[in-house]
C-alpha atoms as a PDB file:
ATOM      1  CA  MET A   1      59.852 142.953  81.012  1.00  0.00           C
ATOM      2  CA  THR A   2      62.316 143.468  83.715  1.00  0.00           C
ATOM      3  CA  PRO A   3      61.734 145.550  86.761  1.00  0.00           C
ATOM      4  CA  ARG A   4      62.810 149.116  86.903  1.00  0.00           C
ATOM      5  CA  SER A   5      64.738 150.358  83.920  1.00  0.00           C
ATOM      6  CA  ARG A   6      68.397 149.535  83.883  1.00  0.00           C
ATOM      7  CA  HIS A   7      69.034 153.205  82.841  1.00  0.00           C
ATOM      8  CA  ARG A   8      69.810 152.581  85.969  1.00  0.00           C
ATOM      9  CA  GLY A   9      71.429 150.215  83.395  1.00  0.00           C
ATOM     10  CA  LEU A  10      69.694 149.453  80.111  1.00  0.00           C
ATOM     11  CA  PRO A  11      66.732 151.549  78.904  1.00  0.00           C
ATOM     12  CA  LEU A  12      63.346 150.081  79.798  1.00  0.00           C
ATOM     13  CA  LEU A  13      62.280 150.420  76.181  1.00  0.00           C
ATOM     14  CA  VAL A  14      65.086 148.123  75.044  1.00  0.00           C
ATOM     15  CA  LEU A  15      64.233 145.601  77.732  1.00  0.00           C
ATOM     16  CA  TRP A  16      60.593 145.446  76.598  1.00  0.00           C
ATOM     17  CA  VAL A  17      61.504 145.142  72.947  1.00  0.00           C
ATOM     18  CA  LEU A  18      64.192 142.495  73.549  1.00  0.00           C
ATOM     19  CA  LEU A  19      61.993 140.847  76.181  1.00  0.00           C
ATOM     20  CA  VAL A  20      63.596 139.986  78.377  1.00  0.00           C
ATOM     21  CA  THR A  21      70.977 147.369  92.904  1.00  0.00           C
ATOM     22  CA  GLY A  22      74.140 148.950  97.046  1.00  0.00           C
ATOM     23  CA  CYS A  23      73.083 145.940  98.867  1.00  0.00           C
ATOM     24  CA  ALA A  24      70.935 145.177 101.839  1.00  0.00           C
ATOM     25  CA  PRO A  25      69.356 147.731 104.085  1.00  0.00           C
ATOM     26  CA  GLY A  26      68.609 146.626 107.594  1.00  0.00           C
ATOM     27  CA  GLY A  27      70.278 143.957 109.685  1.00  0.00           C
ATOM     28  CA  PRO A  28      73.011 141.445 108.891  1.00  0.00           C
ATOM     29  CA  PRO A  29      72.497 138.699 106.293  1.00  0.00           C
ATOM     30  CA  GLN A  30      70.635 135.656 107.525  1.00  0.00           C
ATOM     31  CA  ALA A  31      71.374 132.473 105.622  1.00  0.00           C
ATOM     32  CA  PRO A  32      68.598 129.937 105.162  1.00  0.00           C
ATOM     33  CA  ALA A  33      68.980 126.513 106.674  1.00  0.00           C
ATOM     34  CA  ALA A  34      71.252 124.242 104.690  1.00  0.00           C
ATOM     35  CA  PRO A  35      69.286 122.401 101.999  1.00  0.00           C
ATOM     36  CA  ASP A  36      68.641 118.743 102.646  1.00  0.00           C
ATOM     37  CA  ARG A  37      70.639 117.079  99.882  1.00  0.00           C
ATOM     38  CA  GLY A  38      68.220 114.193 100.056  1.00  0.00           C
ATOM     39  CA  ALA A  39      65.331 116.523  99.229  1.00  0.00           C
ATOM     40  CA  ALA A  40      64.566 118.248  95.958  1.00  0.00           C
ATOM     41  CA  ALA A  41      66.988 121.048  95.143  1.00  0.00           C
ATOM     42  CA  THR A  42      64.301 123.705  94.896  1.00  0.00           C
ATOM     43  CA  ALA A  43      64.818 127.460  94.827  1.00  0.00           C
ATOM     44  CA  GLN A  44      63.200 127.806  98.238  1.00  0.00           C
ATOM     45  CA  ALA A  45      65.374 125.072  99.718  1.00  0.00           C
ATOM     46  CA  PHE A  46      68.514 126.964  98.697  1.00  0.00           C
ATOM     47  CA  LEU A  47      67.287 130.546  99.094  1.00  0.00           C
ATOM     48  CA  GLY A  48      64.708 130.538 101.864  1.00  0.00           C
ATOM     49  CA  ASP A  49      62.063 133.279 101.666  1.00  0.00           C
ATOM     50  CA  LEU A  50      62.219 134.309  98.007  1.00  0.00           C
ATOM     51  CA  ARG A  51      60.745 137.755  98.758  1.00  0.00           C
ATOM     52  CA  THR A  52      63.587 138.879 101.000  1.00  0.00           C
ATOM     53  CA  VAL A  53      66.702 137.422  99.332  1.00  0.00           C
ATOM     54  CA  ASP A  54      69.538 139.946  99.079  1.00  0.00           C
ATOM     55  CA  PRO A  55      70.874 139.163  95.585  1.00  0.00           C
ATOM     56  CA  CYS A  56      74.128 140.992  96.292  1.00  0.00           C
ATOM     57  CA  THR A  57      75.100 138.153  98.656  1.00  0.00           C
ATOM     58  CA  LEU A  58      75.150 135.897  95.594  1.00  0.00           C
ATOM     59  CA  THR A  59      77.926 137.952  93.976  1.00  0.00           C
ATOM     60  CA  ASP A  60      81.698 137.871  94.401  1.00  0.00           C
ATOM     61  CA  PRO A  61      83.554 140.807  92.795  1.00  0.00           C
ATOM     62  CA  ALA A  62      86.854 139.022  93.422  1.00  0.00           C
ATOM     63  CA  ALA A  63      85.756 136.242  91.050  1.00  0.00           C
ATOM     64  CA  LEU A  64      85.549 138.830  88.250  1.00  0.00           C
ATOM     65  CA  ARG A  65      88.922 140.511  88.713  1.00  0.00           C
ATOM     66  CA  GLU A  66      90.495 138.621  85.843  1.00  0.00           C
ATOM     67  CA  PHE A  67      88.076 140.440  83.523  1.00  0.00           C
ATOM     68  CA  GLY A  68      88.786 143.946  84.838  1.00  0.00           C
ATOM     69  CA  ASP A  69      88.009 146.342  87.643  1.00  0.00           C
ATOM     70  CA  THR A  70      84.682 145.430  89.288  1.00  0.00           C
ATOM     71  CA  GLU A  71      82.502 147.550  91.530  1.00  0.00           C
ATOM     72  CA  PRO A  72      78.883 147.561  92.755  1.00  0.00           C
ATOM     73  CA  ALA A  73      76.401 149.572  90.699  1.00  0.00           C
ATOM     74  CA  ALA A  74      73.341 151.444  91.937  1.00  0.00           C
ATOM     75  CA  THR A  75      70.329 149.570  93.250  1.00  0.00           C
ATOM     76  CA  VAL A  76      67.532 149.442  90.669  1.00  0.00           C
ATOM     77  CA  SER A  77      65.655 146.300  91.717  1.00  0.00           C
ATOM     78  CA  LEU A  78      64.642 144.137  94.649  1.00  0.00           C
ATOM     79  CA  ASP A  79      65.284 141.056  92.499  1.00  0.00           C
ATOM     80  CA  TYR A  80      68.818 141.414  91.157  1.00  0.00           C
ATOM     81  CA  CYS A  81      72.153 142.977  92.057  1.00  0.00           C
ATOM     82  CA  LEU A  82      74.222 144.946  89.566  1.00  0.00           C
ATOM     83  CA  LEU A  83      77.996 144.985  89.172  1.00  0.00           C
ATOM     84  CA  HIS A  84      79.989 147.064  86.685  1.00  0.00           C
ATOM     85  CA  VAL A  85      83.045 145.472  85.127  1.00  0.00           C
ATOM     86  CA  THR A  86      85.599 147.577  83.223  1.00  0.00           C
ATOM     87  CA  PRO A  87      87.824 145.336  81.078  1.00  0.00           C
ATOM     88  CA  PRO A  88      91.270 146.560  79.925  1.00  0.00           C
ATOM     89  CA  ASP A  89      89.875 147.365  76.447  1.00  0.00           C
ATOM     90  CA  GLY A  90      87.864 150.259  77.893  1.00  0.00           C
ATOM     91  CA  THR A  91      84.424 148.694  77.500  1.00  0.00           C
ATOM     92  CA  LEU A  92      81.856 148.708  80.313  1.00  0.00           C
ATOM     93  CA  VAL A  93      79.928 145.559  81.147  1.00  0.00           C
ATOM     94  CA  GLN A  94      76.989 145.321  83.513  1.00  0.00           C
ATOM     95  CA  LEU A  95      76.426 142.043  85.337  1.00  0.00           C
ATOM     96  CA  ALA A  96      72.948 141.429  86.794  1.00  0.00           C
ATOM     97  CA  VAL A  97      72.772 138.575  89.302  1.00  0.00           C
ATOM     98  CA  GLY A  98      69.889 137.012  91.154  1.00  0.00           C
ATOM     99  CA  GLU A  99      66.586 137.438  89.319  1.00  0.00           C
ATOM    100  CA  LEU A 100      64.429 134.327  89.607  1.00  0.00           C
ATOM    101  CA  VAL A 101      62.689 133.292  86.391  1.00  0.00           C
ATOM    102  CA  ALA A 102      61.010 130.247  84.923  1.00  0.00           C
ATOM    103  CA  ALA A 103      63.844 128.040  83.719  1.00  0.00           C
ATOM    104  CA  ASP A 104      64.453 128.429  79.996  1.00  0.00           C
ATOM    105  CA  PRO A 105      65.000 125.019  78.409  1.00  0.00           C
ATOM    106  CA  GLY A 106      66.760 126.826  75.587  1.00  0.00           C
ATOM    107  CA  ARG A 107      67.830 125.110  72.442  1.00  0.00           C
ATOM    108  CA  ARG A 108      68.684 121.461  72.579  1.00  0.00           C
ATOM    109  CA  ASP A 109      72.331 122.239  71.898  1.00  0.00           C
ATOM    110  CA  ASP A 110      72.686 124.740  74.775  1.00  0.00           C
ATOM    111  CA  PRO A 111      75.317 123.204  77.064  1.00  0.00           C
ATOM    112  CA  VAL A 112      74.254 122.277  80.592  1.00  0.00           C
ATOM    113  CA  VAL A 113      76.954 121.995  83.254  1.00  0.00           C
ATOM    114  CA  PRO A 114      76.028 119.997  86.396  1.00  0.00           C
ATOM    115  CA  ARG A 115      77.027 121.571  89.710  1.00  0.00           C
ATOM    116  CA  GLY A 116      75.953 119.063  92.340  1.00  0.00           C
ATOM    117  CA  PRO A 117      72.137 119.201  92.523  1.00  0.00           C
ATOM    118  CA  LEU A 118      72.172 122.419  90.466  1.00  0.00           C
ATOM    119  CA  ARG A 119      72.790 122.991  86.763  1.00  0.00           C
ATOM    120  CA  ILE A 120      74.271 125.949  84.880  1.00  0.00           C
ATOM    121  CA  VAL A 121      72.543 126.418  81.523  1.00  0.00           C
ATOM    122  CA  GLN A 122      74.773 128.206  79.019  1.00  0.00           C
ATOM    123  CA  ASN A 123      72.308 130.106  76.853  1.00  0.00           C
ATOM    124  CA  ALA A 124      73.418 131.100  73.368  1.00  0.00           C
ATOM    125  CA  PRO A 125      74.742 134.696  73.346  1.00  0.00           C
ATOM    126  CA  LEU A 126      73.183 137.647  71.552  1.00  0.00           C
ATOM    127  CA  PRO A 127      75.089 140.725  70.342  1.00  0.00           C
ATOM    128  CA  GLY A 128      76.026 142.651  73.465  1.00  0.00           C
ATOM    129  CA  HIS A 129      74.316 140.182  75.789  1.00  0.00           C
ATOM    130  CA  CYS A 130      75.037 136.807  77.385  1.00  0.00           C
ATOM    131  CA  THR A 131      73.060 134.888  80.014  1.00  0.00           C
ATOM    132  CA  ARG A 132      73.671 131.943  82.271  1.00  0.00           C
ATOM    133  CA  GLN A 133      70.895 130.312  84.305  1.00  0.00           C
ATOM    134  CA  VAL A 134      71.451 128.428  87.538  1.00  0.00           C
ATOM    135  CA  ALA A 135      68.606 125.912  87.319  1.00  0.00           C
ATOM    136  CA  PHE A 136      66.883 124.438  90.363  1.00  0.00           C
ATOM    137  CA  ALA A 137      64.843 121.241  90.445  1.00  0.00           C
ATOM    138  CA  ASP A 138      61.472 123.004  90.616  1.00  0.00           C
ATOM    139  CA  GLY A 139      61.507 124.691  87.201  1.00  0.00           C
ATOM    140  CA  LEU A 140      62.943 127.971  88.474  1.00  0.00           C
ATOM    141  CA  ALA A 141      66.314 129.430  87.606  1.00  0.00           C
ATOM    142  CA  LEU A 142      68.526 132.162  89.006  1.00  0.00           C
ATOM    143  CA  GLN A 143      69.551 134.397  86.135  1.00  0.00           C
ATOM    144  CA  VAL A 144      73.005 135.887  85.597  1.00  0.00           C
ATOM    145  CA  SER A 145      73.227 138.278  82.637  1.00  0.00           C
ATOM    146  CA  ALA A 146      76.125 140.281  81.218  1.00  0.00           C
ATOM    147  CA  ASP A 147      75.268 143.308  79.059  1.00  0.00           C
ATOM    148  CA  LEU A 148      77.630 145.569  77.148  1.00  0.00           C
ATOM    149  CA  LEU A 149      76.920 149.178  78.123  1.00  0.00           C
ATOM    150  CA  VAL A 150      79.864 150.934  76.462  1.00  0.00           C
ATOM    151  CA  GLY A 151      82.100 149.840  73.582  1.00  0.00           C
ATOM    152  CA  GLU A 152      82.009 147.359  70.736  1.00  0.00           C
ATOM    153  CA  PRO A 153      80.806 143.756  71.206  1.00  0.00           C
ATOM    154  CA  GLY A 154      83.607 141.313  71.850  1.00  0.00           C
ATOM    155  CA  GLY A 155      84.060 137.793  73.056  1.00  0.00           C
ATOM    156  CA  GLY A 156      84.302 138.358  76.807  1.00  0.00           C
ATOM    157  CA  LEU A 157      80.670 138.734  77.855  1.00  0.00           C
ATOM    158  CA  CYS A 158      79.969 135.041  78.296  1.00  0.00           C
ATOM    159  CA  GLY A 159      83.120 134.612  80.353  1.00  0.00           C
ATOM    160  CA  ILE A 160      81.878 137.296  82.733  1.00  0.00           C
ATOM    161  CA  ALA A 161      78.398 135.722  82.881  1.00  0.00           C
ATOM    162  CA  GLU A 162      79.938 132.300  83.495  1.00  0.00           C
ATOM    163  CA  ALA A 163      82.114 133.606  86.330  1.00  0.00           C
ATOM    164  CA  GLY A 164      79.089 135.316  87.855  1.00  0.00           C
ATOM    165  CA  ALA A 165      77.075 132.101  87.671  1.00  0.00           C
ATOM    166  CA  GLU A 166      79.865 130.057  89.264  1.00  0.00           C
ATOM    167  CA  ALA A 167      80.106 132.617  92.078  1.00  0.00           C
ATOM    168  CA  ALA A 168      76.349 132.368  92.635  1.00  0.00           C
ATOM    169  CA  VAL A 169      76.518 128.559  92.776  1.00  0.00           C
ATOM    170  CA  ALA A 170      79.335 128.792  95.319  1.00  0.00           C
ATOM    171  CA  ALA A 171      77.238 131.126  97.481  1.00  0.00           C
ATOM    172  CA  LEU A 172      74.295 128.726  97.285  1.00  0.00           C
ATOM    173  CA  GLU A 173      76.355 125.664  98.104  1.00  0.00           C
ATOM    174  CA  GLN A 174      78.155 127.413 100.984  1.00  0.00           C
ATOM    175  CA  HIS A 175      74.871 128.712 102.431  1.00  0.00           C
ATOM    176  CA  ARG A 176      75.953 132.362 102.141  1.00  0.00           C
ATOM    177  CA  VAL A 177      72.578 133.638 100.933  1.00  0.00           C
ATOM    178  CA  GLY A 178      71.667 136.776 102.885  1.00  0.00           C
ATOM    179  CA  HIS A 179      68.230 138.252 103.497  1.00  0.00           C
ATOM    180  CA  ARG A 180      67.070 141.837 103.739  1.00  0.00           C
ATOM    181  CA  GLN A 181      65.109 143.004 106.743  1.00  0.00           C
ATOM    182  CA  PHE A 182      61.905 144.709 105.584  1.00  0.00           C
ATOM    183  CA  PRO A 183      59.538 146.504 107.961  1.00  0.00           C
ATOM    184  CA  GLU A 184      55.800 146.017 108.034  1.00  0.00           C
ATOM    185  CA  GLY A 185      54.241 147.908 105.143  1.00  0.00           C
ATOM    186  CA  SER A 186      57.192 147.346 102.814  1.00  0.00           C
ATOM    187  CA  LEU A 187      56.367 146.800  99.150  1.00  0.00           C
ATOM    188  CA  ALA A 188      58.786 143.857  99.158  1.00  0.00           C
ATOM    189  CA  LEU A 189      56.305 141.874 101.239  1.00  0.00           C
ATOM    190  CA  LEU A 190      53.221 142.832  99.206  1.00  0.00           C
ATOM    191  CA  ASP A 191      52.107 140.800  96.173  1.00  0.00           C
ATOM    192  CA  PRO A 192      51.493 143.264  93.307  1.00  0.00           C
ATOM    193  CA  CYS A 193      48.874 140.900  91.883  1.00  0.00           C
ATOM    194  CA  GLN A 194      46.812 141.790  94.968  1.00  0.00           C
ATOM    195  CA  VAL A 195      47.325 145.524  94.385  1.00  0.00           C
ATOM    196  CA  LEU A 196      45.961 145.782  90.834  1.00  0.00           C
ATOM    197  CA  ASP A 197      42.737 143.963  89.986  1.00  0.00           C
ATOM    198  CA  SER A 198      42.756 142.055  86.693  1.00  0.00           C
ATOM    199  CA  ALA A 199      39.296 143.476  86.016  1.00  0.00           C
ATOM    200  CA  ALA A 200      40.866 146.929  85.708  1.00  0.00           C
ATOM    201  CA  VAL A 201      43.628 145.665  83.416  1.00  0.00           C
ATOM    202  CA  ARG A 202      41.021 144.120  81.100  1.00  0.00           C
ATOM    203  CA  GLN A 203      39.963 147.641  80.114  1.00  0.00           C
ATOM    204  CA  VAL A 204      43.186 147.864  78.087  1.00  0.00           C
ATOM    205  CA  PRO A 205      42.525 146.878  74.443  1.00  0.00           C
ATOM    206  CA  GLY A 206      43.789 143.368  73.761  1.00  0.00           C
ATOM    207  CA  LEU A 207      43.839 142.358  77.428  1.00  0.00           C
ATOM    208  CA  GLU A 208      40.125 141.613  77.795  1.00  0.00           C
ATOM    209  CA  GLU A 209      40.828 138.107  79.127  1.00  0.00           C
ATOM    210  CA  ALA A 210      44.174 138.687  80.803  1.00  0.00           C
ATOM    211  CA  GLN A 211      45.032 137.166  84.177  1.00  0.00           C
ATOM    212  CA  GLY A 212      47.827 138.415  86.405  1.00  0.00           C
ATOM    213  CA  ARG A 213      50.960 136.253  86.535  1.00  0.00           C
ATOM    214  CA  PRO A 214      53.152 136.683  89.637  1.00  0.00           C
ATOM    215  CA  SER A 215      56.924 136.456  89.412  1.00  0.00           C
ATOM    216  CA  PRO A 216      58.716 133.786  91.477  1.00  0.00           C
ATOM    217  CA  ALA A 217      59.900 136.268  94.120  1.00  0.00           C
ATOM    218  CA  GLY A 218      56.515 137.972  94.282  1.00  0.00           C
ATOM    219  CA  HIS A 219      57.724 141.455  93.314  1.00  0.00           C
ATOM    220  CA  GLN A 220      56.122 141.592  89.837  1.00  0.00           C
ATOM    221  CA  CYS A 221      52.723 140.888  88.320  1.00  0.00           C
ATOM    222  CA  SER A 222      52.294 140.740  84.546  1.00  0.00           C
ATOM    223  CA  TRP A 223      49.332 140.712  82.196  1.00  0.00           C
ATOM    224  CA  GLY A 224      49.588 139.925  78.469  1.00  0.00           C
ATOM    225  CA  GLU A 225      52.111 138.119  76.325  1.00  0.00           C
ATOM    226  CA  ARG A 226      55.854 138.765  76.525  1.00  0.00           C
ATOM    227  CA  ALA A 227      56.101 139.897  72.914  1.00  0.00           C
ATOM    228  CA  ALA A 228      57.079 143.262  71.445  1.00  0.00           C
ATOM    229  CA  ASP A 229      53.873 143.507  69.406  1.00  0.00           C
ATOM    230  CA  ALA A 230      51.487 142.479  72.208  1.00  0.00           C
ATOM    231  CA  PRO A 231      49.622 144.705  74.686  1.00  0.00           C
ATOM    232  CA  ARG A 232      50.874 144.167  78.215  1.00  0.00           C
ATOM    233  CA  VAL A 233      50.854 145.592  81.710  1.00  0.00           C
ATOM    234  CA  GLN A 234      53.312 145.006  84.510  1.00  0.00           C
ATOM    235  CA  LEU A 235      53.259 146.205  88.108  1.00  0.00           C
ATOM    236  CA  THR A 236      56.617 145.920  89.834  1.00  0.00           C
ATOM    237  CA  HIS A 237      57.604 146.590  93.422  1.00  0.00           C
ATOM    238  CA  THR A 238      61.195 147.692  93.190  1.00  0.00           C
ATOM    239  CA  ALA A 239      63.758 150.051  94.742  1.00  0.00           C
ATOM    240  CA  GLY A 240      66.212 152.748  93.740  1.00  0.00           C
ATOM    241  CA  ASP A 241      66.291 156.508  93.319  1.00  0.00           C
ATOM    242  CA  PRO A 242      62.999 158.361  93.835  1.00  0.00           C
ATOM    243  CA  PRO A 243      60.984 158.707  90.604  1.00  0.00           C
ATOM    244  CA  GLN A 244      62.104 161.751  88.615  1.00  0.00           C
ATOM    245  CA  VAL A 245      61.004 163.736  85.580  1.00  0.00           C
ATOM    246  CA  LEU A 246      63.831 162.949  83.151  1.00  0.00           C
ATOM    247  CA  HIS A 247      62.599 164.396  79.829  1.00  0.00           C
ATOM    248  CA  GLY A 248      59.909 166.447  78.156  1.00  0.00           C
ATOM    249  CA  ALA A 249      57.523 163.510  77.793  1.00  0.00           C
ATOM    250  CA  ALA A 250      57.339 163.013  81.560  1.00  0.00           C
ATOM    251  CA  VAL A 251      55.276 164.841  84.154  1.00  0.00           C
ATOM    252  CA  GLU A 252      54.913 164.811  87.932  1.00  0.00           C
ATOM    253  CA  GLU A 253      51.328 164.726  89.184  1.00  0.00           C
ATOM    254  CA  GLU A 254      49.200 163.450  92.035  1.00  0.00           C
ATOM    255  CA  ILE A 255      47.327 160.199  91.492  1.00  0.00           C
ATOM    256  CA  ALA A 256      45.130 158.772  94.256  1.00  0.00           C
ATOM    257  CA  GLY A 257      46.849 161.082  96.724  1.00  0.00           C
ATOM    258  CA  ARG A 258      50.378 159.944  95.855  1.00  0.00           C
ATOM    259  CA  ARG A 259      53.169 161.824  94.088  1.00  0.00           C
ATOM    260  CA  THR A 260      53.537 160.038  90.748  1.00  0.00           C
ATOM    261  CA  VAL A 261      55.824 160.472  87.754  1.00  0.00           C
ATOM    262  CA  VAL A 262      54.117 159.513  84.484  1.00  0.00           C
ATOM    263  CA  SER A 263      56.555 159.106  81.625  1.00  0.00           C
ATOM    264  CA  VAL A 264      56.578 157.990  78.018  1.00  0.00           C
ATOM    265  CA  VAL A 265      59.444 155.525  78.144  1.00  0.00           C
ATOM    266  CA  GLY A 266      62.409 156.852  76.215  1.00  0.00           C
ATOM    267  CA  GLY A 267      60.783 160.273  75.785  1.00  0.00           C
ATOM    268  CA  ASP A 268      59.424 159.580  72.283  1.00  0.00           C
ATOM    269  CA  PRO A 269      55.614 159.997  72.186  1.00  0.00           C
ATOM    270  CA  ARG A 270      55.474 157.739  69.122  1.00  0.00           C
ATOM    271  CA  VAL A 271      56.554 154.802  71.299  1.00  0.00           C
ATOM    272  CA  PRO A 272      53.420 153.201  72.827  1.00  0.00           C
ATOM    273  CA  LEU A 273      55.020 152.527  76.188  1.00  0.00           C
ATOM    274  CA  CYS A 274      54.434 154.452  79.433  1.00  0.00           C
ATOM    275  CA  SER A 275      55.352 154.112  83.086  1.00  0.00           C
ATOM    276  CA  ALA A 276      53.749 155.494  86.243  1.00  0.00           C
ATOM    277  CA  GLU A 277      55.953 155.405  89.334  1.00  0.00           C
ATOM    278  CA  THR A 278      55.365 156.370  92.940  1.00  0.00           C
ATOM    279  CA  GLY A 279      57.875 156.317  95.784  1.00  0.00           C
ATOM    280  CA  HIS A 280      57.055 154.542  99.001  1.00  0.00           C
ATOM    281  CA  ARG A 281      59.402 154.142 101.952  1.00  0.00           C
ATOM    282  CA  PRO A 282      63.169 154.559 102.464  1.00  0.00           C
ATOM    283  CA  PHE A 283      65.361 151.755 101.161  1.00  0.00           C
ATOM    284  CA  GLY A 284      68.924 151.571 102.444  1.00  0.00           C
ATOM    285  CA  ALA A 285      71.124 154.638 102.345  1.00  0.00           C
ATOM    286  CA  ASP A 286      71.734 157.525  99.938  1.00  0.00           C
ATOM    287  CA  GLY A 287      68.110 158.621  99.713  1.00  0.00           C
ATOM    288  CA  GLN A 288      66.870 155.534  97.871  1.00  0.00           C
ATOM    289  CA  VAL A 289      63.257 154.412  98.223  1.00  0.00           C
ATOM    290  CA  GLU A 290      60.963 151.534  97.457  1.00  0.00           C
ATOM    291  CA  VAL A 291      59.001 152.226  94.268  1.00  0.00           C
ATOM    292  CA  ALA A 292      55.783 150.930  92.780  1.00  0.00           C
ATOM    293  CA  GLN A 293      56.240 150.974  89.004  1.00  0.00           C
ATOM    294  CA  LEU A 294      53.376 150.413  86.584  1.00  0.00           C
ATOM    295  CA  VAL A 295      54.239 149.951  82.897  1.00  0.00           C
ATOM    296  CA  VAL A 296      51.707 149.804  80.056  1.00  0.00           C
ATOM    297  CA  ALA A 297      52.358 148.908  76.403  1.00  0.00           C
ATOM    298  CA  VAL A 298      49.651 149.424  73.761  1.00  0.00           C
ATOM    299  CA  PRO A 299      51.086 148.563  70.314  1.00  0.00           C
ATOM    300  CA  GLY A 300      49.423 150.457  67.487  1.00  0.00           C
ATOM    301  CA  MET A 301      48.750 153.483  69.678  1.00  0.00           C
ATOM    302  CA  THR A 302      50.992 156.301  70.969  1.00  0.00           C
ATOM    303  CA  GLY A 303      52.883 156.980  74.140  1.00  0.00           C
ATOM    304  CA  VAL A 304      50.217 159.517  75.071  1.00  0.00           C
ATOM    305  CA  ASP A 305      47.577 156.781  74.813  1.00  0.00           C
ATOM    306  CA  ALA A 306      49.708 154.422  76.907  1.00  0.00           C
ATOM    307  CA  CYS A 307      50.050 157.102  79.594  1.00  0.00           C
ATOM    308  CA  GLU A 308      46.292 157.561  79.787  1.00  0.00           C
ATOM    309  CA  PHE A 309      45.911 153.854  80.484  1.00  0.00           C
ATOM    310  CA  ALA A 310      48.787 154.003  82.995  1.00  0.00           C
ATOM    311  CA  ARG A 311      47.064 156.853  84.854  1.00  0.00           C
ATOM    312  CA  GLY A 312      43.791 154.968  84.987  1.00  0.00           C
ATOM    313  CA  LEU A 313      45.428 151.815  86.294  1.00  0.00           C
ATOM    314  CA  ALA A 314      47.450 153.770  88.848  1.00  0.00           C
ATOM    315  CA  GLU A 315      44.197 155.301  90.097  1.00  0.00           C
ATOM    316  CA  GLN A 316      42.994 151.747  90.715  1.00  0.00           C
ATOM    317  CA  ALA A 317      46.255 150.396  92.183  1.00  0.00           C
ATOM    318  CA  TRP A 318      47.703 153.123  94.399  1.00  0.00           C
ATOM    319  CA  PRO A 319      44.870 153.065  97.004  1.00  0.00           C
ATOM    320  CA  HIS A 320      45.780 149.434  97.730  1.00  0.00           C
ATOM    321  CA  LEU A 321      49.411 150.271  98.575  1.00  0.00           C
ATOM    322  CA  PRO A 322      50.423 150.665 102.235  1.00  0.00           C
ATOM    323  CA  THR A 323      50.661 154.189 103.594  1.00  0.00           C
ATOM    324  CA  PRO A 324      53.903 155.775 102.347  1.00  0.00           C
ATOM    325  CA  ALA A 325      56.526 157.214 104.663  1.00  0.00           C
ATOM    326  CA  ARG A 326      56.119 160.907 105.431  1.00  0.00           C
END
C-alpha cells in the first residue's frame, strides 16, 4: 500500500487492491556530498539521509512541457512529490516522483536503460498506469509513476513517466537533491515500526506471526502480505491536509488523548478496509500537518470490523508518538 491516499490523488482503496506532495518546509535544500563514482551507486550515496529527502527536488516541470501544462499538486506524502500534467486532449495525468521501493526485477523482457551507474527499468504499462524505476546498486529503486486521473487511457502515460525518470536521474547526477529540515519530535524522523508493537498487530486474524517491515525511507511499517486477499496493517508517517470526516462511514473521536478520524476507506462498510489518522505538527504552509495514518485490511470481514481493529491498534500506537503541537 502506498502512504496517504492519493485522493489526494488516487483512492486508497484502489491503491490497496492494485497493490501497489508543495515542496519542502523549512530551510533551503541541502544536497548530499557527490557520490564517489568508484564506490557502489547506492541510494544513500546519491540521496544522503533517506528520511529527509525532498522528493520535489527530483522533479523538473520544464521537462514535461511537451506533454502539456504541468503544475505541482498538493502534498500527500513525505516520500513522493506529485505533479499534475494536462495534455492537449483534456486528460489529467498525475506524476508521482521519489518513493523508494525494493527494486522490481520485472519481467525478463522489461527494457533496462543504463544511465551511468544508474539504470532506468521500463516496467510494462497497465491500463491508466505506467511506472519507471531508477535502480540503484543496493537493490533499491526510486519510483516514478504516471496515473490517468481524468479521461480515457491513451498512449502518452509512459512518455510522461519516462520524462519524469530522466529528470530524476539528472537531479541525482547533478547533485541537486534537496533535504527538508524537520524539528525534533517530527514524525519524519521516527520509525513507525518502533511506534506500533508487532505483538499488538498479531491480534488481527491472519497476522498471528507477522513481523513489521520498514520502508526504505523509514516512513512506513507494514505487516502482512501485499495481496488484495490478505490481512495487512500499515502505519505510515506522512503529511498533507489535517484528517477530515469525508463521508458517512467516517467519524471523529479521541483515541489515547489524540483527535483521530476513523474511516471506512471509500465509505462502503462492505469493504473490509479502515484507516485511523491523527494530525501531529505543522508541515509547510497552507495549514498542512504531519499525519500518522494507520490502515487495517481484514478480508472476509466488514469495514466496521476493520475499524474496530484500527481503533485498538491506534490505542496501542498513539501513546508512542511525540507530543503533538498545540
